[in-house]
Amino acid sequence: EQLGDVVFIELPDEGTEISKGDSTGAVESVKAASDIYAPISGTVTEKNTKLEEEAGLINKSPFEKGWLYKLNVKSTEELEKLLNEEQYEKFKKEEEASH
């Protein structure tokens, strides 16, 4: 939401090993550019090549067609620490209120 309309996305290739917190690619919008950081560790098993052709899918359909990449998860402990959608929405509201 903060970036606005996404116009370019760079994603890691299949087989890439990533660690939690690693920069795994980049996203550019009409407003700014930003790195994409891995929320958990694992090996990339598939990247969404449709985003390379139509980066705006991440805005239009983030949960269905705009996914970034799939991982073979290294640690279920890291996975269990991720926020669910409700927790994330609460976090966003708290962040917006504090700024």
C-alpha atoms as a PDB file:
ATOM      1  CA  GLU A   1       0.000   0.000   0.000  1.00  0.00           C
ATOM      2  CA  GLN A   2       2.797   2.421   0.870  1.00  0.00           C
ATOM      3  CA  LEU A   3       4.627   1.819  -2.403  1.00  0.00           C
ATOM      4  CA  GLY A   4       1.598   2.419  -4.599  1.00  0.00           C
ATOM      5  CA  ASP A   5       1.278   0.802  -8.020  1.00  0.00           C
ATOM      6  CA  VAL A   6       4.082  -1.707  -8.578  1.00  0.00           C
ATOM      7  CA  VAL A   7       5.745  -1.554 -12.012  1.00  0.00           C
ATOM      8  CA  PHE A   8       8.727  -3.943 -11.655  1.00  0.00           C
ATOM      9  CA  ILE A   9       9.632  -6.951  -9.510  1.00  0.00           C
ATOM     10  CA  GLU A  10      12.875  -8.924  -9.316  1.00  0.00           C
ATOM     11  CA  LEU A  11      12.636 -12.342  -7.623  1.00  0.00           C
ATOM     12  CA  PRO A  12      15.110 -15.088  -6.649  1.00  0.00           C
ATOM     13  CA  ASP A  13      15.558 -18.083  -8.944  1.00  0.00           C
ATOM     14  CA  GLU A  14      14.470 -21.615  -8.115  1.00  0.00           C
ATOM     15  CA  GLY A  15      17.065 -23.397  -5.985  1.00  0.00           C
ATOM     16  CA  THR A  16      18.211 -20.213  -4.254  1.00  0.00           C
ATOM     17  CA  GLU A  17      18.867 -20.778  -0.536  1.00  0.00           C
ATOM     18  CA  ILE A  18      17.729 -17.855   1.578  1.00  0.00           C
ATOM     19  CA  SER A  19      17.908 -17.019   5.268  1.00  0.00           C
ATOM     20  CA  LYS A  20      15.382 -15.073   7.289  1.00  0.00           C
ATOM     21  CA  GLY A  21      16.027 -11.363   6.774  1.00  0.00           C
ATOM     22  CA  ASP A  22      17.953 -11.772   3.497  1.00  0.00           C
ATOM     23  CA  SER A  23      17.197  -9.415   0.635  1.00  0.00           C
ATOM     24  CA  THR A  24      15.635 -11.757  -1.929  1.00  0.00           C
ATOM     25  CA  GLY A  25      14.747  -9.300  -4.661  1.00  0.00           C
ATOM     26  CA  ALA A  26      13.405  -5.849  -5.347  1.00  0.00           C
ATOM     27  CA  VAL A  27      10.132  -4.121  -6.045  1.00  0.00           C
ATOM     28  CA  GLU A  28       9.733  -0.791  -7.842  1.00  0.00           C
ATOM     29  CA  SER A  29       6.649   1.367  -7.962  1.00  0.00           C
ATOM     30  CA  VAL A  30       5.718   4.738  -9.345  1.00  0.00           C
ATOM     31  CA  LYS A  31       6.636   6.186  -5.915  1.00  0.00           C
ATOM     32  CA  ALA A  32       9.740   4.303  -4.754  1.00  0.00           C
ATOM     33  CA  ALA A  33      11.884   1.183  -4.839  1.00  0.00           C
ATOM     34  CA  SER A  34      12.436  -1.295  -2.032  1.00  0.00           C
ATOM     35  CA  ASP A  35      14.142  -4.584  -1.319  1.00  0.00           C
ATOM     36  CA  ILE A  36      12.080  -7.687  -0.593  1.00  0.00           C
ATOM     37  CA  TYR A  37      13.166  -9.419   2.630  1.00  0.00           C
ATOM     38  CA  ALA A  38      12.673 -13.104   3.412  1.00  0.00           C
ATOM     39  CA  PRO A  39      10.284 -13.652   6.336  1.00  0.00           C
ATOM     40  CA  ILE A  40      11.674 -17.178   6.897  1.00  0.00           C
ATOM     41  CA  SER A  41      14.589 -19.379   5.795  1.00  0.00           C
ATOM     42  CA  GLY A  42      14.381 -21.988   3.065  1.00  0.00           C
ATOM     43  CA  THR A  43      15.010 -22.905  -0.549  1.00  0.00           C
ATOM     44  CA  VAL A  44      13.061 -21.278  -3.370  1.00  0.00           C
ATOM     45  CA  THR A  45      11.071 -23.987  -5.158  1.00  0.00           C
ATOM     46  CA  GLU A  46       9.143 -21.724  -7.531  1.00  0.00           C
ATOM     47  CA  LYS A  47       8.957 -18.039  -8.398  1.00  0.00           C
ATOM     48  CA  ASN A  48       5.939 -16.289  -9.838  1.00  0.00           C
ATOM     49  CA  THR A  49       7.166 -15.549 -13.358  1.00  0.00           C
ATOM     50  CA  LYS A  50       3.845 -13.854 -14.160  1.00  0.00           C
ATOM     51  CA  LEU A  51       4.977 -10.941 -11.983  1.00  0.00           C
ATOM     52  CA  GLU A  52       7.938 -10.360 -14.293  1.00  0.00           C
ATOM     53  CA  GLU A  53       5.462  -9.773 -17.129  1.00  0.00           C
ATOM     54  CA  GLU A  54       2.737  -8.054 -15.099  1.00  0.00           C
ATOM     55  CA  ALA A  55       4.127  -6.635 -11.843  1.00  0.00           C
ATOM     56  CA  GLY A  56       0.791  -4.956 -11.088  1.00  0.00           C
ATOM     57  CA  LEU A  57      -0.662  -8.352 -10.128  1.00  0.00           C
ATOM     58  CA  ILE A  58       0.840  -7.800  -6.698  1.00  0.00           C
ATOM     59  CA  ASN A  59      -1.530  -4.838  -6.263  1.00  0.00           C
ATOM     60  CA  LYS A  60      -4.565  -6.394  -7.954  1.00  0.00           C
ATOM     61  CA  SER A  61      -4.422  -9.900  -6.477  1.00  0.00           C
ATOM     62  CA  PRO A  62      -1.811 -10.161  -3.689  1.00  0.00           C
ATOM     63  CA  PHE A  63      -3.245 -13.338  -2.151  1.00  0.00           C
ATOM     64  CA  GLU A  64      -4.038 -15.278  -5.332  1.00  0.00           C
ATOM     65  CA  LYS A  65      -2.143 -14.226  -8.480  1.00  0.00           C
ATOM     66  CA  GLY A  66       0.375 -11.794  -6.958  1.00  0.00           C
ATOM     67  CA  TRP A  67       2.344 -14.193  -4.756  1.00  0.00           C
ATOM     68  CA  LEU A  68       6.138 -13.810  -4.940  1.00  0.00           C
ATOM     69  CA  TYR A  69       7.812 -17.194  -4.514  1.00  0.00           C
ATOM     70  CA  LYS A  70       7.356 -20.563  -2.835  1.00  0.00           C
ATOM     71  CA  LEU A  71       9.790 -21.997  -0.317  1.00  0.00           C
ATOM     72  CA  ASN A  72      10.787 -25.373   1.011  1.00  0.00           C
ATOM     73  CA  VAL A  73      10.802 -24.173   4.631  1.00  0.00           C
ATOM     74  CA  LYS A  74      13.962 -24.816   6.626  1.00  0.00           C
ATOM     75  CA  SER A  75      12.490 -24.343  10.122  1.00  0.00           C
ATOM     76  CA  THR A  76       8.895 -24.777  11.221  1.00  0.00           C
ATOM     77  CA  GLU A  77       9.759 -22.653  14.278  1.00  0.00           C
ATOM     78  CA  GLU A  78      10.248 -19.621  12.017  1.00  0.00           C
ATOM     79  CA  LEU A  79       7.007 -20.414  10.212  1.00  0.00           C
ATOM     80  CA  GLU A  80       5.060 -20.543  13.480  1.00  0.00           C
ATOM     81  CA  LYS A  81       6.298 -17.039  14.400  1.00  0.00           C
ATOM     82  CA  LEU A  82       4.767 -15.384  11.312  1.00  0.00           C
ATOM     83  CA  LEU A  83       1.706 -13.163  11.732  1.00  0.00           C
ATOM     84  CA  ASN A  84      -1.636 -14.330  10.405  1.00  0.00           C
ATOM     85  CA  GLU A  85      -3.799 -11.879   8.441  1.00  0.00           C
ATOM     86  CA  GLU A  86      -5.685 -10.620  11.505  1.00  0.00           C
ATOM     87  CA  GLN A  87      -2.469 -10.070  13.479  1.00  0.00           C
ATOM     88  CA  TYR A  88      -0.906  -8.266  10.518  1.00  0.00           C
ATOM     89  CA  GLU A  89      -3.895  -5.922  10.100  1.00  0.00           C
ATOM     90  CA  LYS A  90      -3.706  -5.059  13.809  1.00  0.00           C
ATOM     91  CA  PHE A  91       0.046  -4.441  13.505  1.00  0.00           C
ATOM     92  CA  LYS A  92      -0.491  -2.110  10.505  1.00  0.00           C
ATOM     93  CA  LYS A  93      -3.119  -0.075  12.359  1.00  0.00           C
ATOM     94  CA  GLU A  94      -0.835   0.309  15.375  1.00  0.00           C
ATOM     95  CA  GLU A  95       2.059   1.381  13.146  1.00  0.00           C
ATOM     96  CA  GLU A  96      -0.079   3.924  11.295  1.00  0.00           C
ATOM     97  CA  ALA A  97      -1.376   5.334  14.588  1.00  0.00           C
ATOM     98  CA  SER A  98       2.157   5.783  15.930  1.00  0.00           C
ATOM     99  CA  HIS A  99       3.298   7.840  12.906  1.00  0.00           C
END
